[in-house]
Amino acid sequence: MAEFGFNEHHQNEVISYMRFARSKRVLRLKTIDSCFEELKDSRLVDETFTVDEVREMLDGLQAVVRGEVEMELINTAHTNVLLLRQLFSQAEKFYLRLQSDISELENRELLEQVAEFEKTDFKTADKVSIQETSKPKLAPLNEGGVSELLNKEIVRLQEENDKLKARLRTLESQAMSALDEKSKAERALKDLQKVQGEQQLAAQSQEISSLEDTVAALREDYERSLSTNAVSQKDLQENLISAKHDLLRVQEQLSLAEKELEKKFQQTAAYRNMKEILTKKNEQIKEIRKRLQRYEPNE
């Protein structure tokens, strides 16, 4: 019933891709047309052109069109690679190995059939059938076919699923046991913390009481020391004042004694004789200095 030799779903996929390719092609042709229009509007403003000017315009247009066509060809090739990637990825999931015949890509008869199909908007009434005389078919990895491979894969997945379920039940039982052990451990920890908290509270209370007694004793000793120091400081100040008074009295007595001693010494004969001798010696020294100044004035 399909027009390309395969089922309706695959034919619709081909039609979708051809529409995509046609939209890209139309967009690229519009770009090329705009290149020509831009050349006409920007360069073809004079009535006459020289050969060099025409050659320059054509060379520029050639470069632009060549770039657009090259970009489209590269993009088309890359797009085809992505399409093949999707097909190969889907085939590998079912252990299939797809094969392609590159020579069939240049089959003129098949290309004309595809072009005719595209002209009729992919809805031609003629049942165009693309011949597949030498085109190799998909070959599975073994001779049992795709159904056998799928059945084996389903059986394998079911076995793996059963194993996972058994493993899950085992893990659930282990998790429940672990949760029970955790609950028991938490209760034991709370009881232990409670007992330790009461013991610590009692020990802290006893320690606080002992510290309070120690602080009170220290405060009493400090106050007693302050009172003792105050009395001692008062006694020291009184003793200091008394010592100062005694010192002043002794100094005054010494001064009087010195004056009295000097007065008595000046009244003695030895003091008077010594004073007379010093007076005479001073007069002699003055006389000698006068003589020296008279005889030796420079010196």
C-alpha atoms as a PDB file:
ATOM      1  CA  MET A   1       0.000   0.000   0.000  1.00  0.00           C
ATOM      2  CA  ALA A   2       2.979   2.279   0.432  1.00  0.00           C
ATOM      3  CA  GLU A   3       4.257   4.184  -2.558  1.00  0.00           C
ATOM      4  CA  PHE A   4       7.970   3.749  -1.820  1.00  0.00           C
ATOM      5  CA  GLY A   5       7.838   0.046  -1.079  1.00  0.00           C
ATOM      6  CA  PHE A   6       7.420   0.271   2.735  1.00  0.00           C
ATOM      7  CA  ASN A   7       4.601   0.818   5.211  1.00  0.00           C
ATOM      8  CA  GLU A   8       2.556   3.956   5.666  1.00  0.00           C
ATOM      9  CA  HIS A   9       4.376   5.119   8.805  1.00  0.00           C
ATOM     10  CA  HIS A  10       7.776   5.062   7.112  1.00  0.00           C
ATOM     11  CA  GLN A  11       6.337   6.720   4.016  1.00  0.00           C
ATOM     12  CA  ASN A  12       5.017   9.553   6.189  1.00  0.00           C
ATOM     13  CA  GLU A  13       8.471   9.929   7.705  1.00  0.00           C
ATOM     14  CA  VAL A  14       9.933  10.249   4.184  1.00  0.00           C
ATOM     15  CA  ILE A  15       7.326  12.843   3.278  1.00  0.00           C
ATOM     16  CA  SER A  16       8.118  14.830   6.427  1.00  0.00           C
ATOM     17  CA  TYR A  17      11.825  14.860   5.590  1.00  0.00           C
ATOM     18  CA  MET A  18      11.162  15.862   1.945  1.00  0.00           C
ATOM     19  CA  ARG A  19       9.038  18.765   3.133  1.00  0.00           C
ATOM     20  CA  PHE A  20      11.809  19.841   5.461  1.00  0.00           C
ATOM     21  CA  ALA A  21      14.353  19.665   2.628  1.00  0.00           C
ATOM     22  CA  ARG A  22      12.060  21.597   0.281  1.00  0.00           C
ATOM     23  CA  SER A  23      11.582  24.390   2.847  1.00  0.00           C
ATOM     24  CA  LYS A  24      15.352  24.706   3.301  1.00  0.00           C
ATOM     25  CA  ARG A  25      15.826  24.716  -0.476  1.00  0.00           C
ATOM     26  CA  VAL A  26      13.204  27.441  -1.018  1.00  0.00           C
ATOM     27  CA  LEU A  27      14.803  29.570   1.699  1.00  0.00           C
ATOM     28  CA  ARG A  28      18.247  29.229   0.101  1.00  0.00           C
ATOM     29  CA  LEU A  29      16.857  30.090  -3.384  1.00  0.00           C
ATOM     30  CA  LYS A  30      15.290  33.221  -1.952  1.00  0.00           C
ATOM     31  CA  THR A  31      18.687  34.164  -0.558  1.00  0.00           C
ATOM     32  CA  ILE A  32      20.298  33.705  -3.988  1.00  0.00           C
ATOM     33  CA  ASP A  33      17.552  35.772  -5.625  1.00  0.00           C
ATOM     34  CA  SER A  34      18.165  38.534  -3.093  1.00  0.00           C
ATOM     35  CA  CYS A  35      21.862  38.511  -4.087  1.00  0.00           C
ATOM     36  CA  PHE A  36      20.919  39.217  -7.705  1.00  0.00           C
ATOM     37  CA  GLU A  37      18.389  41.872  -6.704  1.00  0.00           C
ATOM     38  CA  GLU A  38      20.959  43.584  -4.513  1.00  0.00           C
ATOM     39  CA  LEU A  39      23.396  43.649  -7.431  1.00  0.00           C
ATOM     40  CA  LYS A  40      20.770  45.167  -9.719  1.00  0.00           C
ATOM     41  CA  ASP A  41      19.820  47.844  -7.201  1.00  0.00           C
ATOM     42  CA  SER A  42      23.327  48.789  -6.139  1.00  0.00           C
ATOM     43  CA  ARG A  43      25.477  48.424  -9.274  1.00  0.00           C
ATOM     44  CA  LEU A  44      23.213  48.583 -12.339  1.00  0.00           C
ATOM     45  CA  VAL A  45      22.606  52.320 -12.153  1.00  0.00           C
ATOM     46  CA  ASP A  46      24.453  53.400 -15.307  1.00  0.00           C
ATOM     47  CA  GLU A  47      23.435  52.779 -18.903  1.00  0.00           C
ATOM     48  CA  THR A  48      26.833  51.623 -20.071  1.00  0.00           C
ATOM     49  CA  PHE A  49      29.536  49.546 -18.379  1.00  0.00           C
ATOM     50  CA  THR A  50      33.024  48.634 -19.383  1.00  0.00           C
ATOM     51  CA  VAL A  51      34.189  45.064 -19.712  1.00  0.00           C
ATOM     52  CA  ASP A  52      36.203  45.325 -16.505  1.00  0.00           C
ATOM     53  CA  GLU A  53      33.208  46.645 -14.569  1.00  0.00           C
ATOM     54  CA  VAL A  54      30.975  43.852 -15.847  1.00  0.00           C
ATOM     55  CA  ARG A  55      33.657  41.282 -15.019  1.00  0.00           C
ATOM     56  CA  GLU A  56      34.038  42.740 -11.503  1.00  0.00           C
ATOM     57  CA  MET A  57      30.272  42.608 -10.882  1.00  0.00           C
ATOM     58  CA  LEU A  58      30.043  39.021 -12.141  1.00  0.00           C
ATOM     59  CA  ASP A  59      33.023  37.929 -10.057  1.00  0.00           C
ATOM     60  CA  GLY A  60      31.472  39.426  -6.932  1.00  0.00           C
ATOM     61  CA  LEU A  61      28.112  37.822  -7.696  1.00  0.00           C
ATOM     62  CA  GLN A  62      29.815  34.494  -8.368  1.00  0.00           C
ATOM     63  CA  ALA A  63      31.579  34.597  -5.000  1.00  0.00           C
ATOM     64  CA  VAL A  64      28.342  35.352  -3.140  1.00  0.00           C
ATOM     65  CA  VAL A  65      26.299  32.681  -4.965  1.00  0.00           C
ATOM     66  CA  ARG A  66      29.098  30.135  -4.601  1.00  0.00           C
ATOM     67  CA  GLY A  67      29.204  30.764  -0.849  1.00  0.00           C
ATOM     68  CA  GLU A  68      25.433  30.367  -0.512  1.00  0.00           C
ATOM     69  CA  VAL A  69      25.358  27.136  -2.560  1.00  0.00           C
ATOM     70  CA  GLU A  70      28.348  25.691  -0.700  1.00  0.00           C
ATOM     71  CA  MET A  71      26.744  26.500   2.639  1.00  0.00           C
ATOM     72  CA  GLU A  72      23.513  24.803   1.574  1.00  0.00           C
ATOM     73  CA  LEU A  73      25.325  21.682   0.325  1.00  0.00           C
ATOM     74  CA  ILE A  74      27.315  21.409   3.550  1.00  0.00           C
ATOM     75  CA  ASN A  75      24.190  21.889   5.646  1.00  0.00           C
ATOM     76  CA  THR A  76      22.331  19.258   3.597  1.00  0.00           C
ATOM     77  CA  ALA A  77      25.161  16.742   4.074  1.00  0.00           C
ATOM     78  CA  HIS A  78      25.256  17.361   7.813  1.00  0.00           C
ATOM     79  CA  THR A  79      21.476  17.081   8.042  1.00  0.00           C
ATOM     80  CA  ASN A  80      21.579  13.706   6.263  1.00  0.00           C
ATOM     81  CA  VAL A  81      24.224  12.509   8.723  1.00  0.00           C
ATOM     82  CA  LEU A  82      21.968  13.433  11.636  1.00  0.00           C
ATOM     83  CA  LEU A  83      19.066  11.576  10.011  1.00  0.00           C
ATOM     84  CA  LEU A  84      21.220   8.469   9.545  1.00  0.00           C
ATOM     85  CA  ARG A  85      22.336   8.771  13.161  1.00  0.00           C
ATOM     86  CA  GLN A  86      18.731   8.577  14.346  1.00  0.00           C
ATOM     87  CA  LEU A  87      18.033   5.536  12.161  1.00  0.00           C
ATOM     88  CA  PHE A  88      21.178   3.685  13.215  1.00  0.00           C
ATOM     89  CA  SER A  89      20.540   4.427  16.907  1.00  0.00           C
ATOM     90  CA  GLN A  90      17.035   2.979  16.689  1.00  0.00           C
ATOM     91  CA  ALA A  91      18.291  -0.092  14.798  1.00  0.00           C
ATOM     92  CA  GLU A  92      21.046  -0.793  17.342  1.00  0.00           C
ATOM     93  CA  LYS A  93      18.468  -1.003  20.119  1.00  0.00           C
ATOM     94  CA  PHE A  94      17.122  -4.146  18.379  1.00  0.00           C
ATOM     95  CA  TYR A  95      20.579  -5.487  17.509  1.00  0.00           C
ATOM     96  CA  LEU A  96      20.131  -4.728  13.804  1.00  0.00           C
ATOM     97  CA  ARG A  97      22.870  -3.835  11.355  1.00  0.00           C
ATOM     98  CA  LEU A  98      21.698  -1.516   8.623  1.00  0.00           C
ATOM     99  CA  GLN A  99      23.448  -1.547   5.245  1.00  0.00           C
ATOM    100  CA  SER A 100      23.447   1.043   2.467  1.00  0.00           C
ATOM    101  CA  ASP A 101      24.351   1.039  -1.227  1.00  0.00           C
ATOM    102  CA  ILE A 102      25.923   4.376  -2.150  1.00  0.00           C
ATOM    103  CA  SER A 103      25.611   3.657  -5.856  1.00  0.00           C
ATOM    104  CA  GLU A 104      21.816   3.705  -5.566  1.00  0.00           C
ATOM    105  CA  LEU A 105      21.978   7.360  -4.534  1.00  0.00           C
ATOM    106  CA  GLU A 106      22.770   8.278  -8.183  1.00  0.00           C
ATOM    107  CA  ASN A 107      20.159   6.006  -9.773  1.00  0.00           C
ATOM    108  CA  ARG A 108      18.543   8.324 -12.325  1.00  0.00           C
ATOM    109  CA  GLU A 109      15.343   6.318 -12.563  1.00  0.00           C
ATOM    110  CA  LEU A 110      14.758   6.340  -8.816  1.00  0.00           C
ATOM    111  CA  LEU A 111      15.624  10.032  -8.606  1.00  0.00           C
ATOM    112  CA  GLU A 112      13.051  10.812 -11.294  1.00  0.00           C
ATOM    113  CA  GLN A 113      10.422   8.850  -9.371  1.00  0.00           C
ATOM    114  CA  VAL A 114      11.190  10.846  -6.223  1.00  0.00           C
ATOM    115  CA  ALA A 115      10.964  14.110  -8.207  1.00  0.00           C
ATOM    116  CA  GLU A 116       7.622  13.062  -9.687  1.00  0.00           C
ATOM    117  CA  PHE A 117       6.334  12.224  -6.218  1.00  0.00           C
ATOM    118  CA  GLU A 118       7.421  15.626  -4.923  1.00  0.00           C
ATOM    119  CA  LYS A 119       5.653  17.459  -7.775  1.00  0.00           C
ATOM    120  CA  THR A 120       2.311  15.964  -6.772  1.00  0.00           C
ATOM    121  CA  ASP A 121       2.740  17.197  -3.133  1.00  0.00           C
ATOM    122  CA  PHE A 122       3.462  13.668  -1.988  1.00  0.00           C
ATOM    123  CA  LYS A 123      -0.191  12.687  -2.704  1.00  0.00           C
ATOM    124  CA  THR A 124       0.009  11.252  -6.185  1.00  0.00           C
ATOM    125  CA  ALA A 125      -2.719   8.830  -7.182  1.00  0.00           C
ATOM    126  CA  ASP A 126      -0.294   6.752  -9.146  1.00  0.00           C
ATOM    127  CA  LYS A 127       1.209   4.010  -7.068  1.00  0.00           C
ATOM    128  CA  VAL A 128       4.806   4.812  -7.772  1.00  0.00           C
ATOM    129  CA  SER A 129       6.896   1.868  -6.648  1.00  0.00           C
ATOM    130  CA  ILE A 130      10.603   2.282  -6.199  1.00  0.00           C
ATOM    131  CA  GLN A 131      12.286  -0.869  -7.404  1.00  0.00           C
ATOM    132  CA  GLU A 132      14.618  -2.603  -4.969  1.00  0.00           C
ATOM    133  CA  THR A 133      16.280  -5.140  -7.267  1.00  0.00           C
ATOM    134  CA  SER A 134      19.781  -4.979  -5.848  1.00  0.00           C
ATOM    135  CA  LYS A 135      19.116  -3.164  -2.577  1.00  0.00           C
ATOM    136  CA  PRO A 136      20.182  -5.296   0.400  1.00  0.00           C
ATOM    137  CA  LYS A 137      17.671  -5.870   3.173  1.00  0.00           C
ATOM    138  CA  LEU A 138      18.166  -5.496   6.887  1.00  0.00           C
ATOM    139  CA  ALA A 139      19.805  -8.517   8.409  1.00  0.00           C
ATOM    140  CA  PRO A 140      19.488  -9.391  12.114  1.00  0.00           C
ATOM    141  CA  LEU A 141      22.334 -10.767  14.126  1.00  0.00           C
ATOM    142  CA  ASN A 142      20.922 -14.322  14.097  1.00  0.00           C
ATOM    143  CA  GLU A 143      18.591 -16.355  11.903  1.00  0.00           C
ATOM    144  CA  GLY A 144      15.659 -16.260  14.311  1.00  0.00           C
ATOM    145  CA  GLY A 145      14.483 -12.892  12.996  1.00  0.00           C
ATOM    146  CA  VAL A 146      13.400  -9.768  14.819  1.00  0.00           C
ATOM    147  CA  SER A 147      10.580 -11.501  16.711  1.00  0.00           C
ATOM    148  CA  GLU A 148      12.931 -14.002  18.289  1.00  0.00           C
ATOM    149  CA  LEU A 149      15.341 -11.226  19.273  1.00  0.00           C
ATOM    150  CA  LEU A 150      12.523  -9.252  20.833  1.00  0.00           C
ATOM    151  CA  ASN A 151      11.274 -12.280  22.737  1.00  0.00           C
ATOM    152  CA  LYS A 152      14.758 -12.999  24.058  1.00  0.00           C
ATOM    153  CA  GLU A 153      15.157  -9.377  25.075  1.00  0.00           C
ATOM    154  CA  ILE A 154      11.761  -9.436  26.840  1.00  0.00           C
ATOM    155  CA  VAL A 155      12.665 -12.652  28.696  1.00  0.00           C
ATOM    156  CA  ARG A 156      16.007 -11.186  29.694  1.00  0.00           C
ATOM    157  CA  LEU A 157      14.389  -7.996  30.918  1.00  0.00           C
ATOM    158  CA  GLN A 158      11.793  -9.962  32.890  1.00  0.00           C
ATOM    159  CA  GLU A 159      14.498 -12.036  34.563  1.00  0.00           C
ATOM    160  CA  GLU A 160      16.445  -8.914  35.365  1.00  0.00           C
ATOM    161  CA  ASN A 161      13.271  -7.322  36.695  1.00  0.00           C
ATOM    162  CA  ASP A 162      12.621 -10.310  38.978  1.00  0.00           C
ATOM    163  CA  LYS A 163      16.188 -10.124  40.255  1.00  0.00           C
ATOM    164  CA  LEU A 164      15.790  -6.421  40.939  1.00  0.00           C
ATOM    165  CA  LYS A 165      12.520  -7.014  42.769  1.00  0.00           C
ATOM    166  CA  ALA A 166      14.145  -9.693  44.955  1.00  0.00           C
ATOM    167  CA  ARG A 167      17.054  -7.373  45.600  1.00  0.00           C
ATOM    168  CA  LEU A 168      14.615  -4.575  46.457  1.00  0.00           C
ATOM    169  CA  ARG A 169      12.785  -6.779  48.978  1.00  0.00           C
ATOM    170  CA  THR A 170      16.094  -7.721  50.589  1.00  0.00           C
ATOM    171  CA  LEU A 171      17.111  -4.079  50.799  1.00  0.00           C
ATOM    172  CA  GLU A 172      13.733  -3.154  52.261  1.00  0.00           C
ATOM    173  CA  SER A 173      14.050  -5.779  54.992  1.00  0.00           C
ATOM    174  CA  GLN A 174      17.599  -4.606  55.730  1.00  0.00           C
ATOM    175  CA  ALA A 175      16.396  -1.015  55.817  1.00  0.00           C
ATOM    176  CA  MET A 176      13.608  -1.901  58.265  1.00  0.00           C
ATOM    177  CA  SER A 177      16.079  -3.712  60.495  1.00  0.00           C
ATOM    178  CA  ALA A 178      18.412  -0.751  60.337  1.00  0.00           C
ATOM    179  CA  LEU A 179      15.558   1.583  61.267  1.00  0.00           C
ATOM    180  CA  ASP A 180      14.655  -0.591  64.275  1.00  0.00           C
ATOM    181  CA  GLU A 181      18.268  -0.628  65.417  1.00  0.00           C
ATOM    182  CA  LYS A 182      18.423   3.125  64.936  1.00  0.00           C
ATOM    183  CA  SER A 183      15.294   3.655  67.038  1.00  0.00           C
ATOM    184  CA  LYS A 184      16.668   1.461  69.835  1.00  0.00           C
ATOM    185  CA  ALA A 185      19.975   3.291  69.741  1.00  0.00           C
ATOM    186  CA  GLU A 186      18.237   6.676  69.860  1.00  0.00           C
ATOM    187  CA  ARG A 187      16.170   5.634  72.897  1.00  0.00           C
ATOM    188  CA  ALA A 188      19.253   4.296  74.671  1.00  0.00           C
ATOM    189  CA  LEU A 189      21.106   7.499  73.842  1.00  0.00           C
ATOM    190  CA  LYS A 190      18.287   9.644  75.224  1.00  0.00           C
ATOM    191  CA  ASP A 191      18.197   7.610  78.481  1.00  0.00           C
ATOM    192  CA  LEU A 192      21.956   7.870  78.829  1.00  0.00           C
ATOM    193  CA  GLN A 193      21.875  11.590  78.153  1.00  0.00           C
ATOM    194  CA  LYS A 194      19.147  12.013  80.745  1.00  0.00           C
ATOM    195  CA  VAL A 195      21.141  10.143  83.420  1.00  0.00           C
ATOM    196  CA  GLN A 196      24.307  11.982  82.540  1.00  0.00           C
ATOM    197  CA  GLY A 197      22.412  15.281  82.602  1.00  0.00           C
ATOM    198  CA  GLU A 198      21.126  14.630  86.135  1.00  0.00           C
ATOM    199  CA  GLN A 199      24.582  13.601  87.335  1.00  0.00           C
ATOM    200  CA  GLN A 200      26.169  16.624  85.729  1.00  0.00           C
ATOM    201  CA  LEU A 201      23.508  18.897  87.249  1.00  0.00           C
ATOM    202  CA  ALA A 202      24.154  17.509  90.751  1.00  0.00           C
ATOM    203  CA  ALA A 203      27.924  17.803  90.316  1.00  0.00           C
ATOM    204  CA  GLN A 204      27.562  21.359  89.018  1.00  0.00           C
ATOM    205  CA  SER A 205      25.315  22.314  91.957  1.00  0.00           C
ATOM    206  CA  GLN A 206      27.836  20.934  94.442  1.00  0.00           C
ATOM    207  CA  GLU A 207      30.676  22.696  92.658  1.00  0.00           C
ATOM    208  CA  ILE A 208      28.760  25.989  92.618  1.00  0.00           C
ATOM    209  CA  SER A 209      28.074  25.695  96.365  1.00  0.00           C
ATOM    210  CA  SER A 210      31.748  25.021  97.043  1.00  0.00           C
ATOM    211  CA  LEU A 211      32.747  27.996  94.915  1.00  0.00           C
ATOM    212  CA  GLU A 212      30.295  30.240  96.756  1.00  0.00           C
ATOM    213  CA  ASP A 213      31.796  29.198 100.116  1.00  0.00           C
ATOM    214  CA  THR A 214      35.290  29.841  98.808  1.00  0.00           C
ATOM    215  CA  VAL A 215      34.293  33.273  97.490  1.00  0.00           C
ATOM    216  CA  ALA A 216      32.693  34.180 100.845  1.00  0.00           C
ATOM    217  CA  ALA A 217      35.833  33.132 102.750  1.00  0.00           C
ATOM    218  CA  LEU A 218      38.025  35.117 100.377  1.00  0.00           C
ATOM    219  CA  ARG A 219      35.794  38.154 100.722  1.00  0.00           C
ATOM    220  CA  GLU A 220      35.966  37.929 104.559  1.00  0.00           C
ATOM    221  CA  ASP A 221      39.779  37.624 104.443  1.00  0.00           C
ATOM    222  CA  TYR A 222      39.942  40.576 102.064  1.00  0.00           C
ATOM    223  CA  GLU A 223      37.790  42.782 104.312  1.00  0.00           C
ATOM    224  CA  ARG A 224      39.845  41.769 107.361  1.00  0.00           C
ATOM    225  CA  SER A 225      43.036  42.558 105.476  1.00  0.00           C
ATOM    226  CA  LEU A 226      41.593  45.934 104.443  1.00  0.00           C
ATOM    227  CA  SER A 227      40.792  46.850 108.071  1.00  0.00           C
ATOM    228  CA  THR A 228      44.236  45.693 109.235  1.00  0.00           C
ATOM    229  CA  ASN A 229      45.927  47.667 106.476  1.00  0.00           C
ATOM    230  CA  ALA A 230      43.907  50.757 107.380  1.00  0.00           C
ATOM    231  CA  VAL A 231      45.079  50.591 111.027  1.00  0.00           C
ATOM    232  CA  SER A 232      48.650  49.927 109.977  1.00  0.00           C
ATOM    233  CA  GLN A 233      48.565  52.813 107.507  1.00  0.00           C
ATOM    234  CA  LYS A 234      47.273  55.181 110.215  1.00  0.00           C
ATOM    235  CA  ASP A 235      50.055  54.109 112.617  1.00  0.00           C
ATOM    236  CA  LEU A 236      52.649  54.560 109.894  1.00  0.00           C
ATOM    237  CA  GLN A 237      51.409  58.058 109.122  1.00  0.00           C
ATOM    238  CA  GLU A 238      51.567  59.035 112.812  1.00  0.00           C
ATOM    239  CA  ASN A 239      55.069  57.575 113.143  1.00  0.00           C
ATOM    240  CA  LEU A 240      56.151  59.398 110.004  1.00  0.00           C
ATOM    241  CA  ILE A 241      54.850  62.722 111.289  1.00  0.00           C
ATOM    242  CA  SER A 242      56.587  62.188 114.639  1.00  0.00           C
ATOM    243  CA  ALA A 243      59.846  61.266 112.869  1.00  0.00           C
ATOM    244  CA  LYS A 244      59.628  64.425 110.754  1.00  0.00           C
ATOM    245  CA  HIS A 245      59.182  66.542 113.864  1.00  0.00           C
ATOM    246  CA  ASP A 246      62.170  64.858 115.549  1.00  0.00           C
ATOM    247  CA  LEU A 247      64.246  65.407 112.404  1.00  0.00           C
ATOM    248  CA  LEU A 248      63.432  69.099 112.296  1.00  0.00           C
ATOM    249  CA  ARG A 249      64.241  69.459 115.973  1.00  0.00           C
ATOM    250  CA  VAL A 250      67.595  67.691 115.564  1.00  0.00           C
ATOM    251  CA  GLN A 251      68.430  69.831 112.505  1.00  0.00           C
ATOM    252  CA  GLU A 252      67.664  72.973 114.437  1.00  0.00           C
ATOM    253  CA  GLN A 253      69.873  71.800 117.345  1.00  0.00           C
ATOM    254  CA  LEU A 254      72.695  71.003 114.939  1.00  0.00           C
ATOM    255  CA  SER A 255      72.457  74.432 113.365  1.00  0.00           C
ATOM    256  CA  LEU A 256      72.577  76.111 116.756  1.00  0.00           C
ATOM    257  CA  ALA A 257      75.523  73.959 117.780  1.00  0.00           C
ATOM    258  CA  GLU A 258      77.433  74.834 114.607  1.00  0.00           C
ATOM    259  CA  LYS A 259      76.838  78.521 115.126  1.00  0.00           C
ATOM    260  CA  GLU A 260      77.900  78.279 118.753  1.00  0.00           C
ATOM    261  CA  LEU A 261      80.992  76.300 117.811  1.00  0.00           C
ATOM    262  CA  GLU A 262      81.975  78.809 115.112  1.00  0.00           C
ATOM    263  CA  LYS A 263      81.469  81.666 117.569  1.00  0.00           C
ATOM    264  CA  LYS A 264      83.668  79.981 120.158  1.00  0.00           C
ATOM    265  CA  PHE A 265      86.340  79.187 117.562  1.00  0.00           C
ATOM    266  CA  GLN A 266      86.512  82.801 116.419  1.00  0.00           C
ATOM    267  CA  GLN A 267      87.124  83.915 120.017  1.00  0.00           C
ATOM    268  CA  THR A 268      90.239  81.708 120.431  1.00  0.00           C
ATOM    269  CA  ALA A 269      93.850  83.100 120.178  1.00  0.00           C
ATOM    270  CA  ALA A 270      94.814  80.614 117.509  1.00  0.00           C
ATOM    271  CA  TYR A 271      92.010  81.839 115.263  1.00  0.00           C
ATOM    272  CA  ARG A 272      93.096  85.464 115.730  1.00  0.00           C
ATOM    273  CA  ASN A 273      96.771  84.667 115.051  1.00  0.00           C
ATOM    274  CA  MET A 274      95.861  82.643 111.970  1.00  0.00           C
ATOM    275  CA  LYS A 275      93.703  85.491 110.687  1.00  0.00           C
ATOM    276  CA  GLU A 276      96.529  88.029 111.138  1.00  0.00           C
ATOM    277  CA  ILE A 277      98.981  85.747 109.353  1.00  0.00           C
ATOM    278  CA  LEU A 278      96.559  85.325 106.399  1.00  0.00           C
ATOM    279  CA  THR A 279      96.073  89.089 106.222  1.00  0.00           C
ATOM    280  CA  LYS A 280      99.829  89.707 106.085  1.00  0.00           C
ATOM    281  CA  LYS A 281     100.331  87.038 103.476  1.00  0.00           C
ATOM    282  CA  ASN A 282      97.610  88.570 101.277  1.00  0.00           C
ATOM    283  CA  GLU A 283      99.271  92.009 101.524  1.00  0.00           C
ATOM    284  CA  GLN A 284     102.659  90.517 100.587  1.00  0.00           C
ATOM    285  CA  ILE A 285     101.145  88.761  97.614  1.00  0.00           C
ATOM    286  CA  LYS A 286      99.550  92.015  96.427  1.00  0.00           C
ATOM    287  CA  GLU A 287     102.935  93.812  96.743  1.00  0.00           C
ATOM    288  CA  ILE A 288     104.711  91.125  94.786  1.00  0.00           C
ATOM    289  CA  ARG A 289     102.131  91.330  92.015  1.00  0.00           C
ATOM    290  CA  LYS A 290     102.610  95.111  91.764  1.00  0.00           C
ATOM    291  CA  ARG A 291     106.400  94.668  91.415  1.00  0.00           C
ATOM    292  CA  LEU A 292     105.995  92.055  88.782  1.00  0.00           C
ATOM    293  CA  GLN A 293     103.664  94.325  86.769  1.00  0.00           C
ATOM    294  CA  ARG A 294     106.199  97.101  86.961  1.00  0.00           C
ATOM    295  CA  TYR A 295     109.183  95.021  85.818  1.00  0.00           C
ATOM    296  CA  GLU A 296     107.421  92.629  83.494  1.00  0.00           C
ATOM    297  CA  PRO A 297     104.242  94.293  82.262  1.00  0.00           C
ATOM    298  CA  ASN A 298     103.741  92.009  79.218  1.00  0.00           C
ATOM    299  CA  GLU A 299     103.649  88.885  81.295  1.00  0.00           C
END
